[in-house]
Amino acid sequence: MLLVELVYKLAAKLPREEKYGLTSQLQRAAVSIPSNIAEGHARKSTREYLRYLLIARGSMAELETQLLLCVRLSLLTESDIAQASEVSDEVGKMIRGLQHRLNEKQRNS
């Protein structure tokens, strides 16, 4: 959720002409991460949970790419995206750890 907050603050810094471009893409990718984690958790099977975690990781990769594009296009600076990048790395580690534990659980069932 913190990552979503940070991304929305960054998106607000983008030029108005990016409203339907990168601004929208950044926001949708960011919101998709916790949404897919939550939806997967609500499912009744470990297999489905793992599938939604994989989707969340894909959204995170999209978000990271979009943030780097913003820097390359001089819409944001490296320092602008630094905190979001750090949080994204941490969330990625947590998701991978959860995937590992769920895979172990699935193997032992």
PDB file of N, CA and C in Angstrom:
ATOM      1  N   MET A   1       0.827  -1.188   0.000  1.00  0.00           N
ATOM      2  CA  MET A   1       0.000   0.000   0.000  1.00  0.00           C
ATOM      3  C   MET A   1       0.878   1.261   0.000  1.00  0.00           C
ATOM      4  N   LEU A   2       1.986   1.198   0.718  1.00  0.00           N
ATOM      5  CA  LEU A   2       2.914   2.333   0.722  1.00  0.00           C
ATOM      6  C   LEU A   2       3.418   2.613  -0.694  1.00  0.00           C
ATOM      7  N   LEU A   3       3.710   1.559  -1.431  1.00  0.00           N
ATOM      8  CA  LEU A   3       4.187   1.736  -2.802  1.00  0.00           C
ATOM      9  C   LEU A   3       3.144   2.471  -3.644  1.00  0.00           C
ATOM     10  N   VAL A   4       1.890   2.128  -3.487  1.00  0.00           N
ATOM     11  CA  VAL A   4       0.814   2.802  -4.231  1.00  0.00           C
ATOM     12  C   VAL A   4       0.795   4.284  -3.873  1.00  0.00           C
ATOM     13  N   GLU A   5       0.894   4.589  -2.595  1.00  0.00           N
ATOM     14  CA  GLU A   5       0.896   5.995  -2.162  1.00  0.00           C
ATOM     15  C   GLU A   5       2.051   6.764  -2.798  1.00  0.00           C
ATOM     16  N   LEU A   6       3.232   6.149  -2.771  1.00  0.00           N
ATOM     17  CA  LEU A   6       4.409   6.811  -3.346  1.00  0.00           C
ATOM     18  C   LEU A   6       4.238   7.035  -4.848  1.00  0.00           C
ATOM     19  N   VAL A   7       3.706   6.045  -5.530  1.00  0.00           N
ATOM     20  CA  VAL A   7       3.526   6.165  -6.981  1.00  0.00           C
ATOM     21  C   VAL A   7       2.502   7.246  -7.312  1.00  0.00           C
ATOM     22  N   TYR A   8       1.431   7.324  -6.541  1.00  0.00           N
ATOM     23  CA  TYR A   8       0.436   8.372  -6.807  1.00  0.00           C
ATOM     24  C   TYR A   8       1.052   9.758  -6.620  1.00  0.00           C
ATOM     25  N   LYS A   9       1.930   9.909  -5.640  1.00  0.00           N
ATOM     26  CA  LYS A   9       2.609  11.192  -5.444  1.00  0.00           C
ATOM     27  C   LYS A   9       3.539  11.502  -6.610  1.00  0.00           C
ATOM     28  N   LEU A  10       4.224  10.476  -7.107  1.00  0.00           N
ATOM     29  CA  LEU A  10       5.092  10.671  -8.261  1.00  0.00           C
ATOM     30  C   LEU A  10       4.270  10.995  -9.508  1.00  0.00           C
ATOM     31  N   ALA A  11       3.180  10.293  -9.686  1.00  0.00           N
ATOM     32  CA  ALA A  11       2.326  10.514 -10.862  1.00  0.00           C
ATOM     33  C   ALA A  11       1.788  11.942 -10.881  1.00  0.00           C
ATOM     34  N   ALA A  12       1.542  12.499  -9.712  1.00  0.00           N
ATOM     35  CA  ALA A  12       1.039  13.873  -9.629  1.00  0.00           C
ATOM     36  C   ALA A  12       2.074  14.891 -10.126  1.00  0.00           C
ATOM     37  N   LYS A  13       3.343  14.504 -10.153  1.00  0.00           N
ATOM     38  CA  LYS A  13       4.405  15.389 -10.630  1.00  0.00           C
ATOM     39  C   LYS A  13       4.528  15.389 -12.153  1.00  0.00           C
ATOM     40  N   LEU A  14       3.902  14.419 -12.791  1.00  0.00           N
ATOM     41  CA  LEU A  14       4.031  14.316 -14.241  1.00  0.00           C
ATOM     42  C   LEU A  14       3.228  15.409 -14.927  1.00  0.00           C
ATOM     43  N   PRO A  15       3.645  15.787 -16.132  1.00  0.00           N
ATOM     44  CA  PRO A  15       2.914  16.825 -16.861  1.00  0.00           C
ATOM     45  C   PRO A  15       1.478  16.398 -17.175  1.00  0.00           C
ATOM     46  N   ARG A  16       0.633  17.367 -17.286  1.00  0.00           N
ATOM     47  CA  ARG A  16      -0.798  17.130 -17.554  1.00  0.00           C
ATOM     48  C   ARG A  16      -1.002  16.292 -18.819  1.00  0.00           C
ATOM     49  N   GLU A  17      -0.161  16.499 -19.831  1.00  0.00           N
ATOM     50  CA  GLU A  17      -0.342  15.748 -21.079  1.00  0.00           C
ATOM     51  C   GLU A  17      -0.070  14.247 -20.916  1.00  0.00           C
ATOM     52  N   GLU A  18       0.474  13.836 -19.783  1.00  0.00           N
ATOM     53  CA  GLU A  18       0.710  12.411 -19.505  1.00  0.00           C
ATOM     54  C   GLU A  18      -0.447  11.772 -18.741  1.00  0.00           C
ATOM     55  N   LYS A  19      -1.516  12.526 -18.510  1.00  0.00           N
ATOM     56  CA  LYS A  19      -2.645  12.024 -17.725  1.00  0.00           C
ATOM     57  C   LYS A  19      -3.160  10.678 -18.236  1.00  0.00           C
ATOM     58  N   TYR A  20      -3.274  10.534 -19.542  1.00  0.00           N
ATOM     59  CA  TYR A  20      -3.795   9.299 -20.122  1.00  0.00           C
ATOM     60  C   TYR A  20      -2.679   8.376 -20.603  1.00  0.00           C
ATOM     61  N   GLY A  21      -1.450   8.761 -20.357  1.00  0.00           N
ATOM     62  CA  GLY A  21      -0.294   7.968 -20.747  1.00  0.00           C
ATOM     63  C   GLY A  21       0.368   7.363 -19.519  1.00  0.00           C
ATOM     64  N   LEU A  22       1.552   7.858 -19.224  1.00  0.00           N
ATOM     65  CA  LEU A  22       2.330   7.282 -18.122  1.00  0.00           C
ATOM     66  C   LEU A  22       1.667   7.441 -16.759  1.00  0.00           C
ATOM     67  N   THR A  23       0.991   8.542 -16.530  1.00  0.00           N
ATOM     68  CA  THR A  23       0.327   8.735 -15.235  1.00  0.00           C
ATOM     69  C   THR A  23      -0.654   7.601 -14.981  1.00  0.00           C
ATOM     70  N   SER A  24      -1.503   7.347 -15.934  1.00  0.00           N
ATOM     71  CA  SER A  24      -2.497   6.279 -15.813  1.00  0.00           C
ATOM     72  C   SER A  24      -1.832   4.906 -15.697  1.00  0.00           C
ATOM     73  N   GLN A  25      -0.816   4.664 -16.512  1.00  0.00           N
ATOM     74  CA  GLN A  25      -0.119   3.372 -16.487  1.00  0.00           C
ATOM     75  C   GLN A  25       0.550   3.131 -15.138  1.00  0.00           C
ATOM     76  N   LEU A  26       1.218   4.147 -14.616  1.00  0.00           N
ATOM     77  CA  LEU A  26       1.884   4.027 -13.309  1.00  0.00           C
ATOM     78  C   LEU A  26       0.872   3.689 -12.217  1.00  0.00           C
ATOM     79  N   GLN A  27      -0.222   4.422 -12.204  1.00  0.00           N
ATOM     80  CA  GLN A  27      -1.227   4.217 -11.162  1.00  0.00           C
ATOM     81  C   GLN A  27      -1.853   2.829 -11.261  1.00  0.00           C
ATOM     82  N   ARG A  28      -2.193   2.403 -12.475  1.00  0.00           N
ATOM     83  CA  ARG A  28      -2.834   1.093 -12.627  1.00  0.00           C
ATOM     84  C   ARG A  28      -1.884  -0.039 -12.256  1.00  0.00           C
ATOM     85  N   ALA A  29      -0.616   0.066 -12.655  1.00  0.00           N
ATOM     86  CA  ALA A  29       0.354  -0.970 -12.314  1.00  0.00           C
ATOM     87  C   ALA A  29       0.550  -1.041 -10.802  1.00  0.00           C
ATOM     88  N   ALA A  30       0.656   0.128 -10.166  1.00  0.00           N
ATOM     89  CA  ALA A  30       0.867   0.160  -8.709  1.00  0.00           C
ATOM     90  C   ALA A  30      -0.320  -0.434  -7.959  1.00  0.00           C
ATOM     91  N   VAL A  31      -1.523  -0.049  -8.330  1.00  0.00           N
ATOM     92  CA  VAL A  31      -2.727  -0.540  -7.651  1.00  0.00           C
ATOM     93  C   VAL A  31      -2.895  -2.042  -7.880  1.00  0.00           C
ATOM     94  N   SER A  32      -2.461  -2.502  -9.018  1.00  0.00           N
ATOM     95  CA  SER A  32      -2.594  -3.917  -9.362  1.00  0.00           C
ATOM     96  C   SER A  32      -1.791  -4.820  -8.428  1.00  0.00           C
ATOM     97  N   ILE A  33      -0.684  -4.343  -7.899  1.00  0.00           N
ATOM     98  CA  ILE A  33       0.180  -5.183  -7.059  1.00  0.00           C
ATOM     99  C   ILE A  33      -0.553  -5.630  -5.782  1.00  0.00           C
ATOM    100  N   PRO A  34      -0.971  -4.716  -4.904  1.00  0.00           N
ATOM    101  CA  PRO A  34      -1.662  -5.186  -3.690  1.00  0.00           C
ATOM    102  C   PRO A  34      -3.025  -5.806  -3.996  1.00  0.00           C
ATOM    103  N   SER A  35      -3.659  -5.359  -5.079  1.00  0.00           N
ATOM    104  CA  SER A  35      -4.968  -5.915  -5.432  1.00  0.00           C
ATOM    105  C   SER A  35      -4.854  -7.395  -5.782  1.00  0.00           C
ATOM    106  N   ASN A  36      -3.838  -7.752  -6.564  1.00  0.00           N
ATOM    107  CA  ASN A  36      -3.659  -9.158  -6.922  1.00  0.00           C
ATOM    108  C   ASN A  36      -3.218 -10.003  -5.732  1.00  0.00           C
ATOM    109  N   ILE A  37      -2.416  -9.435  -4.859  1.00  0.00           N
ATOM    110  CA  ILE A  37      -2.027 -10.162  -3.645  1.00  0.00           C
ATOM    111  C   ILE A  37      -3.267 -10.451  -2.806  1.00  0.00           C
ATOM    112  N   ALA A  38      -4.110  -9.447  -2.639  1.00  0.00           N
ATOM    113  CA  ALA A  38      -5.327  -9.614  -1.847  1.00  0.00           C
ATOM    114  C   ALA A  38      -6.281 -10.612  -2.501  1.00  0.00           C
ATOM    115  N   GLU A  39      -6.455 -10.502  -3.801  1.00  0.00           N
ATOM    116  CA  GLU A  39      -7.368 -11.422  -4.486  1.00  0.00           C
ATOM    117  C   GLU A  39      -6.859 -12.856  -4.405  1.00  0.00           C
ATOM    118  N   GLY A  40      -5.565 -13.034  -4.594  1.00  0.00           N
ATOM    119  CA  GLY A  40      -4.992 -14.378  -4.472  1.00  0.00           C
ATOM    120  C   GLY A  40      -5.161 -14.958  -3.086  1.00  0.00           C
ATOM    121  N   HIS A  41      -4.971 -14.116  -2.083  1.00  0.00           N
ATOM    122  CA  HIS A  41      -5.128 -14.574  -0.699  1.00  0.00           C
ATOM    123  C   HIS A  41      -6.560 -14.999  -0.415  1.00  0.00           C
ATOM    124  N   ALA A  42      -7.514 -14.326  -1.036  1.00  0.00           N
ATOM    125  CA  ALA A  42      -8.927 -14.643  -0.817  1.00  0.00           C
ATOM    126  C   ALA A  42      -9.345 -15.937  -1.510  1.00  0.00           C
ATOM    127  N   ARG A  43      -8.552 -16.388  -2.451  1.00  0.00           N
ATOM    128  CA  ARG A  43      -8.866 -17.647  -3.134  1.00  0.00           C
ATOM    129  C   ARG A  43      -8.644 -18.802  -2.173  1.00  0.00           C
ATOM    130  N   LYS A  44      -9.280 -19.894  -2.461  1.00  0.00           N
ATOM    131  CA  LYS A  44      -9.236 -21.021  -1.527  1.00  0.00           C
ATOM    132  C   LYS A  44      -8.144 -22.032  -1.825  1.00  0.00           C
ATOM    133  N   SER A  45      -7.327 -21.777  -2.859  1.00  0.00           N
ATOM    134  CA  SER A  45      -6.285 -22.758  -3.144  1.00  0.00           C
ATOM    135  C   SER A  45      -4.912 -22.094  -3.204  1.00  0.00           C
ATOM    136  N   THR A  46      -3.929 -22.830  -2.773  1.00  0.00           N
ATOM    137  CA  THR A  46      -2.552 -22.354  -2.816  1.00  0.00           C
ATOM    138  C   THR A  46      -2.124 -22.121  -4.254  1.00  0.00           C
ATOM    139  N   ARG A  47      -2.562 -22.994  -5.148  1.00  0.00           N
ATOM    140  CA  ARG A  47      -2.201 -22.865  -6.561  1.00  0.00           C
ATOM    141  C   ARG A  47      -2.686 -21.526  -7.130  1.00  0.00           C
ATOM    142  N   GLU A  48      -3.924 -21.163  -6.829  1.00  0.00           N
ATOM    143  CA  GLU A  48      -4.452 -19.887  -7.323  1.00  0.00           C
ATOM    144  C   GLU A  48      -3.729 -18.709  -6.678  1.00  0.00           C
ATOM    145  N   TYR A  49      -3.446 -18.819  -5.383  1.00  0.00           N
ATOM    146  CA  TYR A  49      -2.711 -17.753  -4.691  1.00  0.00           C
ATOM    147  C   TYR A  49      -1.378 -17.519  -5.388  1.00  0.00           C
ATOM    148  N   LEU A  50      -0.677 -18.603  -5.709  1.00  0.00           N
ATOM    149  CA  LEU A  50       0.602 -18.487  -6.394  1.00  0.00           C
ATOM    150  C   LEU A  50       0.449 -17.810  -7.757  1.00  0.00           C
ATOM    151  N   ARG A  51      -0.631 -18.114  -8.456  1.00  0.00           N
ATOM    152  CA  ARG A  51      -0.871 -17.505  -9.763  1.00  0.00           C
ATOM    153  C   ARG A  51      -1.059 -15.989  -9.627  1.00  0.00           C
ATOM    154  N   TYR A  52      -1.808 -15.570  -8.617  1.00  0.00           N
ATOM    155  CA  TYR A  52      -2.029 -14.134  -8.412  1.00  0.00           C
ATOM    156  C   TYR A  52      -0.755 -13.429  -7.939  1.00  0.00           C
ATOM    157  N   LEU A  53       0.083 -14.110  -7.195  1.00  0.00           N
ATOM    158  CA  LEU A  53       1.365 -13.528  -6.799  1.00  0.00           C
ATOM    159  C   LEU A  53       2.251 -13.328  -8.016  1.00  0.00           C
ATOM    160  N   LEU A  54       2.178 -14.245  -8.960  1.00  0.00           N
ATOM    161  CA  LEU A  54       2.936 -14.106 -10.199  1.00  0.00           C
ATOM    162  C   LEU A  54       2.449 -12.895 -10.992  1.00  0.00           C
ATOM    163  N   ILE A  55       1.153 -12.695 -11.022  1.00  0.00           N
ATOM    164  CA  ILE A  55       0.587 -11.525 -11.697  1.00  0.00           C
ATOM    165  C   ILE A  55       1.045 -10.241 -11.002  1.00  0.00           C
ATOM    166  N   ALA A  56       1.057 -10.253  -9.667  1.00  0.00           N
ATOM    167  CA  ALA A  56       1.520  -9.086  -8.909  1.00  0.00           C
ATOM    168  C   ALA A  56       2.977  -8.761  -9.248  1.00  0.00           C
ATOM    169  N   ARG A  57       3.796  -9.798  -9.382  1.00  0.00           N
ATOM    170  CA  ARG A  57       5.202  -9.575  -9.745  1.00  0.00           C
ATOM    171  C   ARG A  57       5.312  -8.982 -11.150  1.00  0.00           C
ATOM    172  N   GLY A  58       4.441  -9.409 -12.043  1.00  0.00           N
ATOM    173  CA  GLY A  58       4.433  -8.838 -13.385  1.00  0.00           C
ATOM    174  C   GLY A  58       4.076  -7.361 -13.360  1.00  0.00           C
ATOM    175  N   SER A  59       3.095  -7.015 -12.538  1.00  0.00           N
ATOM    176  CA  SER A  59       2.712  -5.608 -12.390  1.00  0.00           C
ATOM    177  C   SER A  59       3.854  -4.795 -11.797  1.00  0.00           C
ATOM    178  N   MET A  60       4.592  -5.404 -10.891  1.00  0.00           N
ATOM    179  CA  MET A  60       5.728  -4.707 -10.291  1.00  0.00           C
ATOM    180  C   MET A  60       6.810  -4.450 -11.342  1.00  0.00           C
ATOM    181  N   ALA A  61       7.044  -5.418 -12.218  1.00  0.00           N
ATOM    182  CA  ALA A  61       8.029  -5.230 -13.284  1.00  0.00           C
ATOM    183  C   ALA A  61       7.576  -4.103 -14.223  1.00  0.00           C
ATOM    184  N   GLU A  62       6.279  -4.063 -14.523  1.00  0.00           N
ATOM    185  CA  GLU A  62       5.738  -2.970 -15.344  1.00  0.00           C
ATOM    186  C   GLU A  62       5.996  -1.632 -14.671  1.00  0.00           C
ATOM    187  N   LEU A  63       5.678  -1.558 -13.384  1.00  0.00           N
ATOM    188  CA  LEU A  63       5.845  -0.319 -12.634  1.00  0.00           C
ATOM    189  C   LEU A  63       7.296   0.137 -12.632  1.00  0.00           C
ATOM    190  N   GLU A  64       8.206  -0.782 -12.366  1.00  0.00           N
ATOM    191  CA  GLU A  64       9.625  -0.429 -12.339  1.00  0.00           C
ATOM    192  C   GLU A  64      10.083   0.083 -13.696  1.00  0.00           C
ATOM    193  N   THR A  65       9.619  -0.552 -14.767  1.00  0.00           N
ATOM    194  CA  THR A  65       9.960  -0.118 -16.122  1.00  0.00           C
ATOM    195  C   THR A  65       9.416   1.282 -16.393  1.00  0.00           C
ATOM    196  N   GLN A  66       8.179   1.521 -16.000  1.00  0.00           N
ATOM    197  CA  GLN A  66       7.559   2.826 -16.229  1.00  0.00           C
ATOM    198  C   GLN A  66       8.272   3.925 -15.452  1.00  0.00           C
ATOM    199  N   LEU A  67       8.696   3.630 -14.235  1.00  0.00           N
ATOM    200  CA  LEU A  67       9.439   4.625 -13.454  1.00  0.00           C
ATOM    201  C   LEU A  67      10.755   4.964 -14.142  1.00  0.00           C
ATOM    202  N   LEU A  68      11.444   3.947 -14.638  1.00  0.00           N
ATOM    203  CA  LEU A  68      12.699   4.195 -15.352  1.00  0.00           C
ATOM    204  C   LEU A  68      12.457   4.981 -16.640  1.00  0.00           C
ATOM    205  N   LEU A  69      11.367   4.698 -17.316  1.00  0.00           N
ATOM    206  CA  LEU A  69      11.017   5.476 -18.510  1.00  0.00           C
ATOM    207  C   LEU A  69      10.793   6.950 -18.168  1.00  0.00           C
ATOM    208  N   CYS A  70      10.149   7.194 -17.054  1.00  0.00           N
ATOM    209  CA  CYS A  70       9.928   8.584 -16.623  1.00  0.00           C
ATOM    210  C   CYS A  70      11.247   9.311 -16.444  1.00  0.00           C
ATOM    211  N   VAL A  71      12.238   8.621 -15.903  1.00  0.00           N
ATOM    212  CA  VAL A  71      13.561   9.230 -15.731  1.00  0.00           C
ATOM    213  C   VAL A  71      14.214   9.445 -17.096  1.00  0.00           C
ATOM    214  N   ARG A  72      14.158   8.427 -17.943  1.00  0.00           N
ATOM    215  CA  ARG A  72      14.790   8.532 -19.275  1.00  0.00           C
ATOM    216  C   ARG A  72      14.156   9.631 -20.118  1.00  0.00           C
ATOM    217  N   LEU A  73      12.874   9.866 -19.907  1.00  0.00           N
ATOM    218  CA  LEU A  73      12.178  10.924 -20.645  1.00  0.00           C
ATOM    219  C   LEU A  73      12.258  12.281 -19.943  1.00  0.00           C
ATOM    220  N   SER A  74      13.035  12.338 -18.855  1.00  0.00           N
ATOM    221  CA  SER A  74      13.239  13.557 -18.061  1.00  0.00           C
ATOM    222  C   SER A  74      11.939  14.097 -17.475  1.00  0.00           C
ATOM    223  N   LEU A  75      11.012  13.198 -17.166  1.00  0.00           N
ATOM    224  CA  LEU A  75       9.767  13.595 -16.506  1.00  0.00           C
ATOM    225  C   LEU A  75       9.928  13.544 -14.983  1.00  0.00           C
ATOM    226  N   LEU A  76      10.794  12.674 -14.520  1.00  0.00           N
ATOM    227  CA  LEU A  76      11.150  12.553 -13.104  1.00  0.00           C
ATOM    228  C   LEU A  76      12.658  12.371 -13.030  1.00  0.00           C
ATOM    229  N   THR A  77      13.205  12.563 -11.824  1.00  0.00           N
ATOM    230  CA  THR A  77      14.637  12.352 -11.628  1.00  0.00           C
ATOM    231  C   THR A  77      14.869  11.041 -10.884  1.00  0.00           C
ATOM    232  N   GLU A  78      16.112  10.597 -10.904  1.00  0.00           N
ATOM    233  CA  GLU A  78      16.490   9.392 -10.142  1.00  0.00           C
ATOM    234  C   GLU A  78      16.140   9.568  -8.664  1.00  0.00           C
ATOM    235  N   SER A  79      16.391  10.764  -8.139  1.00  0.00           N
ATOM    236  CA  SER A  79      16.084  10.984  -6.720  1.00  0.00           C
ATOM    237  C   SER A  79      14.571  10.989  -6.480  1.00  0.00           C
ATOM    238  N   ASP A  80      13.790  11.418  -7.482  1.00  0.00           N
ATOM    239  CA  ASP A  80      12.333  11.374  -7.348  1.00  0.00           C
ATOM    240  C   ASP A  80      11.849   9.939  -7.129  1.00  0.00           C
ATOM    241  N   ILE A  81      12.411   9.002  -7.896  1.00  0.00           N
ATOM    242  CA  ILE A  81      11.904   7.631  -7.862  1.00  0.00           C
ATOM    243  C   ILE A  81      12.633   6.724  -6.872  1.00  0.00           C
ATOM    244  N   ALA A  82      13.659   7.251  -6.186  1.00  0.00           N
ATOM    245  CA  ALA A  82      14.500   6.420  -5.319  1.00  0.00           C
ATOM    246  C   ALA A  82      13.698   5.680  -4.246  1.00  0.00           C
ATOM    247  N   GLN A  83      12.845   6.367  -3.534  1.00  0.00           N
ATOM    248  CA  GLN A  83      12.095   5.720  -2.453  1.00  0.00           C
ATOM    249  C   GLN A  83      11.125   4.679  -3.008  1.00  0.00           C
ATOM    250  N   ALA A  84      10.443   4.993  -4.088  1.00  0.00           N
ATOM    251  CA  ALA A  84       9.522   4.031  -4.698  1.00  0.00           C
ATOM    252  C   ALA A  84      10.286   2.803  -5.178  1.00  0.00           C
ATOM    253  N   SER A  85      11.474   3.000  -5.722  1.00  0.00           N
ATOM    254  CA  SER A  85      12.291   1.873  -6.179  1.00  0.00           C
ATOM    255  C   SER A  85      12.714   0.993  -5.013  1.00  0.00           C
ATOM    256  N   GLU A  86      13.097   1.612  -3.906  1.00  0.00           N
ATOM    257  CA  GLU A  86      13.476   0.844  -2.712  1.00  0.00           C
ATOM    258  C   GLU A  86      12.304   0.034  -2.182  1.00  0.00           C
ATOM    259  N   VAL A  87      11.150   0.665  -2.087  1.00  0.00           N
ATOM    260  CA  VAL A  87       9.957  -0.029  -1.590  1.00  0.00           C
ATOM    261  C   VAL A  87       9.570  -1.147  -2.554  1.00  0.00           C
ATOM    262  N   SER A  88       9.675  -0.891  -3.838  1.00  0.00           N
ATOM    263  CA  SER A  88       9.375  -1.912  -4.838  1.00  0.00           C
ATOM    264  C   SER A  88      10.295  -3.120  -4.678  1.00  0.00           C
ATOM    265  N   ASP A  89      11.584  -2.880  -4.469  1.00  0.00           N
ATOM    266  CA  ASP A  89      12.531  -3.982  -4.237  1.00  0.00           C
ATOM    267  C   ASP A  89      12.131  -4.788  -3.009  1.00  0.00           C
ATOM    268  N   GLU A  90      11.752  -4.097  -1.949  1.00  0.00           N
ATOM    269  CA  GLU A  90      11.366  -4.770  -0.707  1.00  0.00           C
ATOM    270  C   GLU A  90      10.087  -5.586  -0.894  1.00  0.00           C
ATOM    271  N   VAL A  91       9.109  -5.021  -1.572  1.00  0.00           N
ATOM    272  CA  VAL A  91       7.858  -5.739  -1.839  1.00  0.00           C
ATOM    273  C   VAL A  91       8.155  -6.974  -2.696  1.00  0.00           C
ATOM    274  N   GLY A  92       9.028  -6.817  -3.679  1.00  0.00           N
ATOM    275  CA  GLY A  92       9.414  -7.953  -4.520  1.00  0.00           C
ATOM    276  C   GLY A  92      10.019  -9.076  -3.703  1.00  0.00           C
ATOM    277  N   LYS A  93      10.882  -8.739  -2.759  1.00  0.00           N
ATOM    278  CA  LYS A  93      11.482  -9.758  -1.881  1.00  0.00           C
ATOM    279  C   LYS A  93      10.416 -10.451  -1.044  1.00  0.00           C
ATOM    280  N   MET A  94       9.465  -9.679  -0.547  1.00  0.00           N
ATOM    281  CA  MET A  94       8.400 -10.275   0.269  1.00  0.00           C
ATOM    282  C   MET A  94       7.537 -11.219  -0.567  1.00  0.00           C
ATOM    283  N   ILE A  95       7.211 -10.806  -1.785  1.00  0.00           N
ATOM    284  CA  ILE A  95       6.397 -11.657  -2.656  1.00  0.00           C
ATOM    285  C   ILE A  95       7.154 -12.938  -2.989  1.00  0.00           C
ATOM    286  N   ARG A  96       8.428 -12.820  -3.336  1.00  0.00           N
ATOM    287  CA  ARG A  96       9.215 -14.013  -3.657  1.00  0.00           C
ATOM    288  C   ARG A  96       9.313 -14.945  -2.459  1.00  0.00           C
ATOM    289  N   GLY A  97       9.480 -14.386  -1.261  1.00  0.00           N
ATOM    290  CA  GLY A  97       9.515 -15.210  -0.049  1.00  0.00           C
ATOM    291  C   GLY A  97       8.198 -15.931   0.174  1.00  0.00           C
ATOM    292  N   LEU A  98       7.107 -15.233  -0.032  1.00  0.00           N
ATOM    293  CA  LEU A  98       5.788 -15.837   0.115  1.00  0.00           C
ATOM    294  C   LEU A  98       5.590 -16.929  -0.925  1.00  0.00           C
ATOM    295  N   GLN A  99       6.010 -16.680  -2.150  1.00  0.00           N
ATOM    296  CA  GLN A  99       5.905 -17.700  -3.198  1.00  0.00           C
ATOM    297  C   GLN A  99       6.701 -18.945  -2.814  1.00  0.00           C
ATOM    298  N   HIS A 100       7.882 -18.744  -2.297  1.00  0.00           N
ATOM    299  CA  HIS A 100       8.725 -19.869  -1.885  1.00  0.00           C
ATOM    300  C   HIS A 100       8.033 -20.700  -0.802  1.00  0.00           C
ATOM    301  N   ARG A 101       7.496 -20.025   0.210  1.00  0.00           N
ATOM    302  CA  ARG A 101       6.807 -20.743   1.301  1.00  0.00           C
ATOM    303  C   ARG A 101       5.565 -21.475   0.798  1.00  0.00           C
ATOM    304  N   LEU A 102       4.819 -20.844  -0.089  1.00  0.00           N
ATOM    305  CA  LEU A 102       3.622 -21.487  -0.627  1.00  0.00           C
ATOM    306  C   LEU A 102       3.978 -22.676  -1.518  1.00  0.00           C
ATOM    307  N   ASN A 103       5.054 -22.548  -2.274  1.00  0.00           N
ATOM    308  CA  ASN A 103       5.512 -23.686  -3.085  1.00  0.00           C
ATOM    309  C   ASN A 103       5.930 -24.852  -2.199  1.00  0.00           C
ATOM    310  N   GLU A 104       6.613 -24.556  -1.097  1.00  0.00           N
ATOM    311  CA  GLU A 104       6.994 -25.601  -0.139  1.00  0.00           C
ATOM    312  C   GLU A 104       5.750 -26.259   0.464  1.00  0.00           C
ATOM    313  N   LYS A 105       4.794 -25.442   0.827  1.00  0.00           N
ATOM    314  CA  LYS A 105       3.547 -25.961   1.396  1.00  0.00           C
ATOM    315  C   LYS A 105       2.854 -26.882   0.397  1.00  0.00           C
ATOM    316  N   GLN A 106       2.826 -26.452  -0.859  1.00  0.00           N
ATOM    317  CA  GLN A 106       2.177 -27.233  -1.901  1.00  0.00           C
ATOM    318  C   GLN A 106       2.894 -28.566  -2.118  1.00  0.00           C
ATOM    319  N   ARG A 107       4.215 -28.569  -2.064  1.00  0.00           N
ATOM    320  CA  ARG A 107       4.984 -29.807  -2.228  1.00  0.00           C
ATOM    321  C   ARG A 107       4.768 -30.780  -1.078  1.00  0.00           C
ATOM    322  N   ASN A 108       4.598 -30.219   0.103  1.00  0.00           N
ATOM    323  CA  ASN A 108       4.437 -31.065   1.298  1.00  0.00           C
ATOM    324  C   ASN A 108       3.012 -31.508   1.536  1.00  0.00           C
ATOM    325  N   SER A 109       2.087 -31.074   0.699  1.00  0.00           N
ATOM    326  CA  SER A 109       0.681 -31.452   0.890  1.00  0.00           C
ATOM    327  C   SER A 109       0.357 -32.773   0.223  1.00  0.00           C
TER     328      SER A 109
END
